[in-house]
Amino acid sequence: MCSQVGFLICTFAYFVYSATVPFEKIGEAQAIQAPFFELPCMRIGGTCAKAFACPTGTRVGRRGLCPDQQELGIECCRPNRVARPLDQTQERKSERKPAYQGKTNMDNKCITRNGVCIATGGECPQTMQIEGTSDCKSDEICCIYNQ
């Protein structure tokens, strides 16, 4: 009786587990599909992971940055930058005010954001487009998709 109950529990656990984790058949063996890096997500400093596994505040708002794994529930997570304590020399430097506090024109250039200006009708996925760059013409978009 006990061995039958143990077998039923193991079988039930296997079915629950296999229903929640995607499997890929490779011949007779089965392998768990682990999330892998994809270029769109890597370009913004993120990693592809299960959406529920992203720590709070790290999931990128833009969907589709892990396009090959999107249907498996994989999204792009970008770790927050860790705030480090300032040492005394950095504290003194921060007390000085810079001469100019506004943004420079270089901050908003397509090329400084690793992009290329291409024609608006060109082949650039929506997830790879950067809006509002200063160096692209009115009929061009900034695309970080470089082939």
N, C-alpha and C. Protein backbone atom coordinates (compact mmCIF):
# COMPACT_ATOMS: atom_id res chain seq x y z
N MET A 1 0.82 -1.20 0.00
CA MET A 1 0.00 0.00 0.00
C MET A 1 0.86 1.26 0.00
N CYS A 2 1.90 1.29 0.86
CA CYS A 2 2.75 2.48 0.94
C CYS A 2 3.50 2.72 -0.35
N SER A 3 3.96 1.66 -0.99
CA SER A 3 4.70 1.85 -2.23
C SER A 3 3.79 2.37 -3.33
N GLN A 4 2.51 1.96 -3.33
CA GLN A 4 1.57 2.46 -4.32
C GLN A 4 1.29 3.95 -4.10
N VAL A 5 1.16 4.36 -2.85
CA VAL A 5 0.93 5.77 -2.52
C VAL A 5 2.14 6.60 -2.93
N GLY A 6 3.33 6.10 -2.63
CA GLY A 6 4.56 6.81 -3.01
C GLY A 6 4.67 6.96 -4.52
N PHE A 7 4.31 5.91 -5.24
CA PHE A 7 4.35 5.95 -6.70
C PHE A 7 3.37 6.98 -7.24
N LEU A 8 2.16 7.01 -6.67
CA LEU A 8 1.16 7.98 -7.11
C LEU A 8 1.60 9.42 -6.83
N ILE A 9 2.20 9.65 -5.67
CA ILE A 9 2.69 10.99 -5.33
C ILE A 9 3.80 11.40 -6.28
N CYS A 10 4.73 10.50 -6.57
CA CYS A 10 5.83 10.80 -7.50
C CYS A 10 5.29 11.08 -8.90
N THR A 11 4.32 10.28 -9.33
CA THR A 11 3.74 10.48 -10.66
C THR A 11 3.03 11.83 -10.73
N PHE A 12 2.25 12.16 -9.72
CA PHE A 12 1.55 13.44 -9.68
C PHE A 12 2.54 14.60 -9.69
N ALA A 13 3.60 14.50 -8.89
CA ALA A 13 4.61 15.56 -8.84
C ALA A 13 5.28 15.73 -10.20
N TYR A 14 5.55 14.63 -10.88
CA TYR A 14 6.18 14.70 -12.20
C TYR A 14 5.26 15.42 -13.19
N PHE A 15 3.97 15.10 -13.17
CA PHE A 15 3.03 15.74 -14.10
C PHE A 15 2.88 17.23 -13.80
N VAL A 16 2.84 17.60 -12.54
CA VAL A 16 2.75 19.02 -12.18
C VAL A 16 4.02 19.74 -12.63
N TYR A 17 5.17 19.14 -12.37
CA TYR A 17 6.44 19.76 -12.75
C TYR A 17 6.56 19.88 -14.27
N SER A 18 6.21 18.82 -14.99
CA SER A 18 6.34 18.86 -16.45
C SER A 18 5.36 19.82 -17.09
N ALA A 19 4.26 20.12 -16.43
CA ALA A 19 3.29 21.07 -16.97
C ALA A 19 3.75 22.51 -16.78
N THR A 20 4.62 22.75 -15.81
CA THR A 20 5.05 24.12 -15.54
C THR A 20 6.40 24.45 -16.15
N VAL A 21 7.21 23.46 -16.47
CA VAL A 21 8.54 23.69 -17.04
C VAL A 21 8.55 23.22 -18.48
N PRO A 22 8.94 24.07 -19.44
CA PRO A 22 8.95 23.65 -20.83
C PRO A 22 10.05 22.62 -21.08
N PHE A 23 9.72 21.59 -21.84
CA PHE A 23 10.68 20.56 -22.18
C PHE A 23 10.89 20.53 -23.68
N GLU A 24 12.04 20.08 -24.08
CA GLU A 24 12.34 19.89 -25.48
C GLU A 24 12.83 18.46 -25.63
N LYS A 25 12.20 17.70 -26.51
CA LYS A 25 12.62 16.31 -26.68
C LYS A 25 13.85 16.26 -27.56
N ILE A 26 14.86 15.57 -27.10
CA ILE A 26 16.08 15.34 -27.87
C ILE A 26 16.26 13.83 -27.90
N GLY A 27 15.77 13.20 -28.97
CA GLY A 27 15.80 11.74 -29.04
C GLY A 27 14.94 11.17 -27.93
N GLU A 28 15.52 10.33 -27.10
CA GLU A 28 14.81 9.75 -25.97
C GLU A 28 14.91 10.63 -24.73
N ALA A 29 15.95 11.46 -24.67
CA ALA A 29 16.17 12.28 -23.47
C ALA A 29 15.34 13.55 -23.55
N GLN A 30 15.05 14.10 -22.40
CA GLN A 30 14.36 15.39 -22.32
C GLN A 30 15.27 16.37 -21.60
N ALA A 31 15.34 17.59 -22.10
CA ALA A 31 16.19 18.60 -21.48
C ALA A 31 15.35 19.82 -21.14
N ILE A 32 15.61 20.43 -20.01
CA ILE A 32 14.92 21.66 -19.61
C ILE A 32 15.51 22.80 -20.42
N GLN A 33 14.65 23.65 -20.98
CA GLN A 33 15.12 24.80 -21.73
C GLN A 33 15.44 25.93 -20.77
N ALA A 34 16.69 26.27 -20.66
CA ALA A 34 17.11 27.37 -19.80
C ALA A 34 17.11 28.66 -20.62
N PRO A 35 16.75 29.80 -20.03
CA PRO A 35 16.82 31.07 -20.76
C PRO A 35 18.24 31.34 -21.23
N PHE A 36 18.35 31.92 -22.42
CA PHE A 36 19.67 32.26 -22.96
C PHE A 36 19.69 33.73 -23.34
N PHE A 37 20.89 34.27 -23.48
CA PHE A 37 21.06 35.69 -23.81
C PHE A 37 20.59 35.95 -25.24
N GLU A 38 19.97 37.13 -25.43
CA GLU A 38 19.58 37.57 -26.77
C GLU A 38 20.06 39.00 -26.95
N LEU A 39 20.50 39.31 -28.16
CA LEU A 39 21.14 40.60 -28.45
C LEU A 39 20.32 41.82 -28.06
N PRO A 40 19.02 41.90 -28.38
CA PRO A 40 18.27 43.12 -28.00
C PRO A 40 18.32 43.39 -26.49
N CYS A 41 18.20 42.35 -25.70
CA CYS A 41 18.23 42.51 -24.24
C CYS A 41 19.65 42.85 -23.77
N MET A 42 20.64 42.20 -24.36
CA MET A 42 22.03 42.46 -23.97
C MET A 42 22.44 43.89 -24.29
N ARG A 43 21.89 44.44 -25.38
CA ARG A 43 22.25 45.81 -25.79
C ARG A 43 21.92 46.85 -24.72
N ILE A 44 20.89 46.57 -23.93
CA ILE A 44 20.52 47.52 -22.88
C ILE A 44 21.05 47.09 -21.51
N GLY A 45 21.91 46.07 -21.50
CA GLY A 45 22.53 45.64 -20.25
C GLY A 45 21.69 44.67 -19.45
N GLY A 46 20.76 43.99 -20.10
CA GLY A 46 19.89 43.06 -19.39
C GLY A 46 20.19 41.60 -19.68
N THR A 47 19.45 40.73 -19.03
CA THR A 47 19.53 39.29 -19.27
C THR A 47 18.12 38.75 -19.42
N CYS A 48 17.98 37.71 -20.20
CA CYS A 48 16.68 37.08 -20.40
C CYS A 48 16.41 36.10 -19.27
N ALA A 49 15.21 36.18 -18.69
CA ALA A 49 14.83 35.31 -17.58
C ALA A 49 13.32 35.15 -17.58
N LYS A 50 12.83 34.13 -16.86
CA LYS A 50 11.39 33.98 -16.69
C LYS A 50 10.85 35.27 -16.07
N ALA A 51 9.72 35.73 -16.55
CA ALA A 51 9.17 37.01 -16.09
C ALA A 51 8.98 37.04 -14.58
N PHE A 52 8.52 35.93 -13.99
CA PHE A 52 8.30 35.91 -12.54
C PHE A 52 9.60 35.85 -11.76
N ALA A 53 10.71 35.52 -12.44
CA ALA A 53 12.00 35.40 -11.75
C ALA A 53 12.75 36.73 -11.68
N CYS A 54 12.28 37.74 -12.40
CA CYS A 54 12.94 39.05 -12.34
C CYS A 54 12.70 39.66 -10.96
N PRO A 55 13.76 40.07 -10.27
CA PRO A 55 13.55 40.73 -8.98
C PRO A 55 12.72 42.00 -9.16
N THR A 56 12.03 42.41 -8.13
CA THR A 56 11.16 43.58 -8.18
C THR A 56 11.93 44.80 -8.68
N GLY A 57 11.38 45.47 -9.68
CA GLY A 57 11.98 46.68 -10.20
C GLY A 57 13.04 46.47 -11.26
N THR A 58 13.32 45.21 -11.65
CA THR A 58 14.36 44.97 -12.65
C THR A 58 13.80 44.59 -14.01
N ARG A 59 12.52 44.29 -14.09
CA ARG A 59 11.94 43.88 -15.36
C ARG A 59 11.81 45.09 -16.28
N VAL A 60 12.30 44.96 -17.50
CA VAL A 60 12.26 46.05 -18.47
C VAL A 60 10.83 46.19 -18.98
N GLY A 61 10.34 47.41 -19.06
CA GLY A 61 8.96 47.65 -19.47
C GLY A 61 8.67 47.29 -20.91
N ARG A 62 9.66 47.34 -21.76
CA ARG A 62 9.47 47.06 -23.18
C ARG A 62 9.49 45.55 -23.41
N ARG A 63 8.43 45.02 -24.01
CA ARG A 63 8.36 43.59 -24.30
C ARG A 63 9.05 43.29 -25.62
N GLY A 64 9.44 42.04 -25.80
CA GLY A 64 10.01 41.61 -27.07
C GLY A 64 11.52 41.72 -27.16
N LEU A 65 12.19 42.00 -26.06
CA LEU A 65 13.65 42.10 -26.10
C LEU A 65 14.31 40.72 -26.03
N CYS A 66 13.52 39.69 -25.79
CA CYS A 66 13.98 38.29 -25.86
C CYS A 66 13.04 37.59 -26.84
N PRO A 67 13.07 37.97 -28.14
CA PRO A 67 12.05 37.53 -29.09
C PRO A 67 11.98 36.03 -29.32
N ASP A 68 13.12 35.34 -29.32
CA ASP A 68 13.10 33.89 -29.57
C ASP A 68 12.48 33.11 -28.42
N GLN A 69 12.40 33.71 -27.25
CA GLN A 69 11.90 33.02 -26.07
C GLN A 69 10.61 33.64 -25.52
N GLN A 70 10.07 34.61 -26.23
CA GLN A 70 8.89 35.35 -25.78
C GLN A 70 7.72 34.42 -25.46
N GLU A 71 7.48 33.45 -26.33
CA GLU A 71 6.33 32.56 -26.12
C GLU A 71 6.51 31.63 -24.92
N LEU A 72 7.72 31.53 -24.40
CA LEU A 72 7.98 30.71 -23.21
C LEU A 72 7.86 31.52 -21.92
N GLY A 73 7.48 32.80 -22.04
CA GLY A 73 7.33 33.65 -20.86
C GLY A 73 8.64 34.27 -20.40
N ILE A 74 9.61 34.35 -21.30
CA ILE A 74 10.91 34.93 -20.98
C ILE A 74 10.88 36.42 -21.30
N GLU A 75 11.33 37.24 -20.36
CA GLU A 75 11.39 38.69 -20.54
C GLU A 75 12.79 39.18 -20.20
N CYS A 76 13.05 40.43 -20.51
CA CYS A 76 14.35 41.04 -20.25
C CYS A 76 14.35 41.69 -18.86
N CYS A 77 15.34 41.35 -18.06
CA CYS A 77 15.52 41.95 -16.73
C CYS A 77 16.85 42.68 -16.73
N ARG A 78 16.84 43.89 -16.21
CA ARG A 78 18.08 44.66 -16.12
C ARG A 78 18.33 44.96 -14.66
N PRO A 79 19.46 44.48 -14.12
CA PRO A 79 19.73 44.72 -12.70
C PRO A 79 19.86 46.20 -12.39
N ASN A 80 19.38 46.58 -11.23
CA ASN A 80 19.53 47.96 -10.77
C ASN A 80 20.99 48.20 -10.44
N ARG A 81 21.42 49.41 -10.65
CA ARG A 81 22.80 49.75 -10.28
C ARG A 81 22.89 49.83 -8.77
N VAL A 82 23.94 49.25 -8.25
CA VAL A 82 24.13 49.22 -6.80
C VAL A 82 24.73 50.54 -6.36
N ALA A 83 24.09 51.17 -5.39
CA ALA A 83 24.62 52.42 -4.84
C ALA A 83 25.75 52.09 -3.89
N ARG A 84 26.91 52.65 -4.15
CA ARG A 84 28.07 52.40 -3.30
C ARG A 84 28.32 53.61 -2.41
N PRO A 85 28.80 53.38 -1.20
CA PRO A 85 29.10 54.52 -0.33
C PRO A 85 30.24 55.35 -0.91
N LEU A 86 30.13 56.65 -0.77
CA LEU A 86 31.16 57.55 -1.27
C LEU A 86 32.31 57.64 -0.28
N ASP A 87 33.51 57.68 -0.82
CA ASP A 87 34.63 57.95 0.08
C ASP A 87 34.78 59.47 0.20
N GLN A 88 35.72 59.93 1.01
CA GLN A 88 35.83 61.36 1.29
C GLN A 88 36.20 62.17 0.06
N THR A 89 37.06 61.64 -0.82
CA THR A 89 37.45 62.41 -2.00
C THR A 89 36.27 62.60 -2.94
N GLN A 90 35.43 61.59 -3.06
CA GLN A 90 34.26 61.73 -3.92
C GLN A 90 33.25 62.70 -3.32
N GLU A 91 33.14 62.73 -2.00
CA GLU A 91 32.21 63.66 -1.36
C GLU A 91 32.63 65.10 -1.63
N ARG A 92 33.92 65.36 -1.56
CA ARG A 92 34.41 66.72 -1.82
C ARG A 92 34.18 67.12 -3.27
N LYS A 93 34.38 66.19 -4.19
CA LYS A 93 34.16 66.50 -5.60
C LYS A 93 32.69 66.79 -5.87
N SER A 94 31.79 66.09 -5.18
CA SER A 94 30.37 66.30 -5.44
C SER A 94 29.88 67.63 -4.89
N GLU A 95 30.62 68.24 -3.98
CA GLU A 95 30.22 69.54 -3.44
C GLU A 95 30.39 70.65 -4.47
N ARG A 96 31.36 70.47 -5.39
CA ARG A 96 31.57 71.47 -6.43
C ARG A 96 30.47 71.37 -7.48
N LYS A 97 29.99 72.51 -7.93
CA LYS A 97 28.96 72.51 -8.96
C LYS A 97 29.62 72.60 -10.33
N PRO A 98 29.15 71.80 -11.28
CA PRO A 98 29.71 71.89 -12.63
C PRO A 98 29.30 73.20 -13.29
N ALA A 99 30.11 73.65 -14.26
CA ALA A 99 29.84 74.91 -14.94
C ALA A 99 28.54 74.84 -15.73
N TYR A 100 28.26 73.70 -16.37
CA TYR A 100 27.05 73.56 -17.17
C TYR A 100 26.32 72.31 -16.71
N GLN A 101 25.06 72.43 -16.29
CA GLN A 101 24.33 71.29 -15.76
C GLN A 101 23.33 70.69 -16.74
N GLY A 102 23.12 71.29 -17.89
CA GLY A 102 22.17 70.75 -18.85
C GLY A 102 22.76 69.62 -19.67
N LYS A 103 21.92 69.02 -20.51
CA LYS A 103 22.39 67.96 -21.39
C LYS A 103 23.13 68.57 -22.56
N THR A 104 24.15 67.87 -22.99
CA THR A 104 24.85 68.31 -24.19
C THR A 104 24.19 67.67 -25.39
N ASN A 105 24.49 68.17 -26.57
CA ASN A 105 23.94 67.62 -27.79
C ASN A 105 24.45 66.20 -28.04
N MET A 106 25.65 65.87 -27.51
CA MET A 106 26.23 64.54 -27.69
C MET A 106 25.42 63.48 -26.96
N ASP A 107 24.73 63.84 -25.87
CA ASP A 107 23.97 62.87 -25.09
C ASP A 107 22.81 62.28 -25.90
N ASN A 108 22.32 63.01 -26.87
CA ASN A 108 21.13 62.59 -27.59
C ASN A 108 21.42 62.15 -29.02
N LYS A 109 22.67 61.86 -29.33
CA LYS A 109 23.02 61.44 -30.68
C LYS A 109 22.82 59.94 -30.83
N CYS A 110 22.37 59.55 -32.00
CA CYS A 110 22.14 58.13 -32.29
C CYS A 110 23.43 57.33 -32.17
N ILE A 111 24.50 57.86 -32.69
CA ILE A 111 25.76 57.12 -32.71
C ILE A 111 26.34 56.93 -31.31
N THR A 112 26.10 57.88 -30.40
CA THR A 112 26.61 57.72 -29.03
C THR A 112 25.78 56.71 -28.25
N ARG A 113 24.62 56.35 -28.78
CA ARG A 113 23.77 55.34 -28.14
C ARG A 113 23.87 54.01 -28.89
N ASN A 114 24.97 53.83 -29.63
CA ASN A 114 25.25 52.61 -30.40
C ASN A 114 24.22 52.35 -31.49
N GLY A 115 23.72 53.41 -32.09
CA GLY A 115 22.72 53.26 -33.14
C GLY A 115 23.21 53.77 -34.47
N VAL A 116 22.39 53.54 -35.50
CA VAL A 116 22.67 53.99 -36.86
C VAL A 116 21.39 54.60 -37.41
N CYS A 117 21.48 55.75 -38.06
CA CYS A 117 20.32 56.38 -38.68
C CYS A 117 20.01 55.65 -39.98
N ILE A 118 18.78 55.14 -40.10
CA ILE A 118 18.36 54.47 -41.33
C ILE A 118 17.03 55.06 -41.78
N ALA A 119 16.66 54.80 -43.04
CA ALA A 119 15.40 55.32 -43.58
C ALA A 119 14.23 54.78 -42.76
N THR A 120 13.19 55.59 -42.62
CA THR A 120 12.03 55.22 -41.80
C THR A 120 11.40 53.91 -42.26
N GLY A 121 11.37 53.65 -43.55
CA GLY A 121 10.79 52.41 -44.07
C GLY A 121 11.74 51.23 -44.01
N GLY A 122 12.94 51.44 -43.48
CA GLY A 122 13.94 50.37 -43.41
C GLY A 122 13.55 49.27 -42.45
N GLU A 123 14.33 48.20 -42.50
CA GLU A 123 14.04 47.05 -41.65
C GLU A 123 14.71 47.22 -40.29
N CYS A 124 13.97 47.74 -39.36
CA CYS A 124 14.44 47.88 -37.98
C CYS A 124 13.28 47.53 -37.06
N PRO A 125 13.41 46.46 -36.26
CA PRO A 125 12.32 46.08 -35.36
C PRO A 125 11.97 47.22 -34.41
N GLN A 126 10.72 47.33 -34.05
CA GLN A 126 10.24 48.39 -33.16
C GLN A 126 11.02 48.39 -31.85
N THR A 127 11.37 47.20 -31.36
CA THR A 127 12.07 47.10 -30.07
C THR A 127 13.49 47.63 -30.14
N MET A 128 14.02 47.82 -31.35
CA MET A 128 15.40 48.28 -31.51
C MET A 128 15.48 49.75 -31.90
N GLN A 129 14.35 50.45 -31.97
CA GLN A 129 14.33 51.85 -32.37
C GLN A 129 14.50 52.77 -31.17
N ILE A 130 15.29 53.82 -31.36
CA ILE A 130 15.49 54.84 -30.33
C ILE A 130 14.88 56.13 -30.86
N GLU A 131 13.96 56.69 -30.12
CA GLU A 131 13.26 57.90 -30.57
C GLU A 131 13.94 59.16 -30.04
N GLY A 132 13.79 60.24 -30.79
CA GLY A 132 14.22 61.55 -30.33
C GLY A 132 15.71 61.83 -30.39
N THR A 133 16.42 61.18 -31.29
CA THR A 133 17.85 61.46 -31.41
C THR A 133 18.05 62.71 -32.25
N SER A 134 19.12 63.43 -31.98
CA SER A 134 19.32 64.73 -32.62
C SER A 134 20.04 64.65 -33.96
N ASP A 135 20.72 63.56 -34.25
CA ASP A 135 21.51 63.53 -35.48
C ASP A 135 20.82 62.83 -36.65
N CYS A 136 19.66 62.18 -36.44
CA CYS A 136 18.93 61.56 -37.55
C CYS A 136 18.03 62.59 -38.22
N LYS A 137 17.90 62.48 -39.54
CA LYS A 137 17.04 63.40 -40.29
C LYS A 137 15.58 63.09 -39.99
N SER A 138 14.68 63.95 -40.47
CA SER A 138 13.25 63.78 -40.17
C SER A 138 12.67 62.51 -40.80
N ASP A 139 13.25 62.04 -41.91
CA ASP A 139 12.76 60.81 -42.55
C ASP A 139 13.58 59.59 -42.16
N GLU A 140 14.33 59.69 -41.05
CA GLU A 140 15.16 58.58 -40.58
C GLU A 140 14.82 58.24 -39.13
N ILE A 141 15.15 57.02 -38.75
CA ILE A 141 15.02 56.58 -37.36
C ILE A 141 16.37 56.05 -36.90
N CYS A 142 16.58 56.11 -35.61
CA CYS A 142 17.81 55.57 -35.02
C CYS A 142 17.55 54.12 -34.67
N CYS A 143 18.38 53.23 -35.18
CA CYS A 143 18.20 51.80 -34.95
C CYS A 143 19.48 51.23 -34.35
N ILE A 144 19.34 50.48 -33.25
CA ILE A 144 20.52 49.87 -32.64
C ILE A 144 20.75 48.47 -33.17
N TYR A 145 20.03 48.11 -34.23
CA TYR A 145 20.16 46.79 -34.86
C TYR A 145 21.22 46.89 -35.94
N ASN A 146 22.43 46.46 -35.65
CA ASN A 146 23.52 46.49 -36.63
C ASN A 146 23.77 45.10 -37.16
N GLN A 147 23.77 44.96 -38.46
CA GLN A 147 24.08 43.66 -39.05
C GLN A 147 25.51 43.63 -39.50
